[in-house]
Amino acid sequence: MTTSPQISITFDGLDAGQQQAVTRFMQAAAQAFEDKNPHALAAMQHVGASESGQRNNFNYNQGLMEGGDRIVSWSASPYKEPRWSIMKLYQHHPEPTAWVLVMLDDGRRQTEYCFALAPTEDGSLKSCYYIDRVKKKPGRKKGL
Protein backbone atom coordinates (compact mmCIF):
# COMPACT_ATOMS: atom_id res chain seq x y z
CA MET A 1 0.00 0.00 0.00
CA THR A 2 1.37 3.38 -0.98
CA THR A 3 0.92 6.66 0.83
CA SER A 4 -0.93 9.30 -1.16
CA PRO A 5 -1.38 13.00 -0.49
CA GLN A 6 -4.50 14.09 1.38
CA ILE A 7 -7.62 13.74 -0.79
CA SER A 8 -10.27 16.45 -0.51
CA ILE A 9 -13.70 14.95 0.24
CA THR A 10 -17.17 16.52 0.38
CA PHE A 11 -20.65 15.09 0.96
CA ASP A 12 -23.96 16.63 -0.02
CA GLY A 13 -27.26 15.11 1.08
CA LEU A 14 -26.06 11.63 2.14
CA ASP A 15 -26.80 10.20 5.57
CA ALA A 16 -24.02 8.85 7.81
CA GLY A 17 -24.42 5.25 6.61
CA GLN A 18 -24.28 6.29 2.96
CA GLN A 19 -21.22 8.45 3.67
CA GLN A 20 -19.43 5.47 5.24
CA ALA A 21 -20.28 3.17 2.32
CA VAL A 22 -19.12 5.75 -0.25
CA THR A 23 -15.93 6.38 1.75
CA ARG A 24 -15.10 2.65 1.78
CA PHE A 25 -15.67 2.44 -1.98
CA MET A 26 -13.59 5.54 -2.69
CA GLN A 27 -10.72 4.41 -0.46
CA ALA A 28 -10.51 1.25 -2.58
CA ALA A 29 -10.81 3.27 -5.81
CA ALA A 30 -8.05 5.66 -4.71
CA GLN A 31 -5.83 2.67 -3.85
CA ALA A 32 -6.49 1.14 -7.29
CA PHE A 33 -5.31 4.39 -8.92
CA GLU A 34 -2.29 4.61 -6.59
CA ASP A 35 -1.34 1.02 -7.44
CA LYS A 36 -2.12 1.54 -11.16
CA ASN A 37 -4.35 -1.54 -10.94
CA PRO A 38 -7.30 -1.46 -13.38
CA HIS A 39 -8.16 -5.04 -12.36
CA ALA A 40 -8.93 -3.84 -8.83
CA LEU A 41 -11.19 -1.10 -10.18
CA ALA A 42 -12.94 -3.59 -12.51
CA ALA A 43 -13.66 -5.84 -9.52
CA MET A 44 -15.52 -2.94 -7.92
CA GLN A 45 -18.23 -2.96 -10.63
CA HIS A 46 -21.57 -4.73 -10.49
CA VAL A 47 -21.66 -7.95 -12.52
CA GLY A 48 -23.59 -7.93 -15.79
CA ALA A 49 -21.93 -5.38 -18.07
CA SER A 50 -21.40 -6.41 -21.68
CA GLU A 51 -17.97 -7.75 -22.64
CA SER A 52 -17.32 -4.78 -24.90
CA GLY A 53 -18.41 -2.36 -22.15
CA GLN A 54 -16.13 -4.06 -19.63
CA ARG A 55 -13.21 -4.01 -22.07
CA ASN A 56 -13.74 -0.33 -22.97
CA ASN A 57 -14.01 0.64 -19.31
CA PHE A 58 -10.91 -1.40 -18.40
CA ASN A 59 -8.85 0.10 -21.25
CA TYR A 60 -9.92 3.64 -20.37
CA ASN A 61 -9.02 3.16 -16.71
CA GLN A 62 -5.73 1.49 -17.60
CA GLY A 63 -4.81 4.44 -19.81
CA LEU A 64 -5.56 6.92 -17.03
CA MET A 65 -3.57 4.90 -14.51
CA GLU A 66 -0.58 4.36 -16.80
CA GLY A 67 -0.62 8.11 -17.49
CA GLY A 68 -0.14 8.77 -13.78
CA ASP A 69 -3.65 9.88 -12.86
CA ARG A 70 -4.47 9.83 -9.16
CA ILE A 71 -7.58 10.81 -7.27
CA VAL A 72 -7.08 14.24 -5.68
CA SER A 73 -10.67 15.02 -4.66
CA TRP A 74 -14.18 13.67 -4.74
CA SER A 75 -17.67 14.81 -3.89
CA ALA A 76 -20.58 12.46 -3.20
CA SER A 77 -24.31 13.13 -3.38
CA PRO A 78 -27.56 11.23 -3.96
CA TYR A 79 -27.77 9.97 -7.56
CA LYS A 80 -29.34 12.29 -10.09
CA GLU A 81 -29.06 11.21 -13.70
CA PRO A 82 -26.52 13.37 -15.54
CA ARG A 83 -27.68 15.48 -18.48
CA TRP A 84 -25.33 13.86 -20.95
CA SER A 85 -26.46 13.15 -24.50
CA ILE A 86 -25.46 9.47 -24.08
CA MET A 87 -28.12 9.15 -21.38
CA LYS A 88 -30.81 9.45 -24.07
CA LEU A 89 -29.74 5.99 -25.24
CA TYR A 90 -28.42 4.37 -22.05
CA GLN A 91 -29.10 4.28 -18.34
CA HIS A 92 -27.07 3.15 -15.36
CA HIS A 93 -27.73 -0.33 -13.98
CA PRO A 94 -28.50 -1.39 -11.34
CA GLU A 95 -30.35 1.73 -10.28
CA PRO A 96 -27.78 3.98 -8.58
CA THR A 97 -28.26 5.54 -5.17
CA ALA A 98 -25.09 7.65 -5.03
CA TRP A 99 -23.10 9.79 -7.45
CA VAL A 100 -19.43 10.52 -6.93
CA LEU A 101 -17.71 13.23 -8.95
CA VAL A 102 -13.96 12.61 -8.87
CA MET A 103 -11.07 14.84 -9.87
CA LEU A 104 -8.04 13.01 -11.24
CA ASP A 105 -4.62 14.63 -11.63
CA ASP A 106 -1.58 13.36 -13.53
CA GLY A 107 0.66 16.33 -12.71
CA ARG A 108 -0.07 18.09 -16.01
CA ARG A 109 -3.84 18.30 -16.19
CA GLN A 110 -6.95 17.44 -14.23
CA THR A 111 -9.70 15.16 -15.52
CA GLU A 112 -13.23 14.73 -14.20
CA TYR A 113 -14.30 11.15 -13.59
CA CYS A 114 -17.45 9.82 -12.00
CA PHE A 115 -18.96 6.78 -10.36
CA ALA A 116 -22.66 5.92 -10.26
CA LEU A 117 -22.94 3.57 -7.27
CA ALA A 118 -25.58 1.05 -6.22
CA PRO A 119 -25.66 -1.18 -3.15
CA THR A 120 -25.01 -4.91 -3.23
CA GLU A 121 -26.96 -7.43 -1.14
CA ASP A 122 -24.56 -6.94 1.77
CA GLY A 123 -24.95 -3.13 1.67
CA SER A 124 -21.54 -2.34 0.19
CA LEU A 125 -21.40 -0.22 -2.95
CA LYS A 126 -20.25 -1.15 -6.43
CA SER A 127 -20.15 0.95 -9.57
CA CYS A 128 -22.94 0.66 -12.11
CA TYR A 129 -22.69 0.02 -15.83
CA TYR A 130 -24.70 1.15 -18.84
CA ILE A 131 -27.64 -0.70 -20.37
CA ASP A 132 -29.86 0.31 -23.28
CA ARG A 133 -32.58 2.68 -22.18
CA VAL A 134 -36.00 1.11 -22.31
CA LYS A 135 -37.94 2.89 -25.04
CA LYS A 136 -41.46 3.93 -24.27
CA LYS A 137 -44.06 2.71 -26.73
CA PRO A 138 -45.99 5.52 -28.35
CA GLY A 139 -49.48 5.73 -26.94
CA ARG A 140 -52.62 5.77 -28.99
CA LYS A 141 -54.33 9.10 -29.33
CA LYS A 142 -57.76 9.04 -27.76
CA GLY A 143 -60.79 10.27 -29.58
CA LEU A 144 -59.50 9.66 -33.07
Foldseek 3Di string as FASTA:
>chain_A
DDDDPDAAEAEDADDPLVVVLVVVLVVQVQVCLVVLNLVSLLVQADPDDDPVQSVVSSVVSSVCSVLQKGWRYKYKYFDDDDPDPCVVFKDWPPQFGMKMWTWIDRPPDIDIDIFRWDADPVGHIGGTTIDTDDDDDDDDDPPD
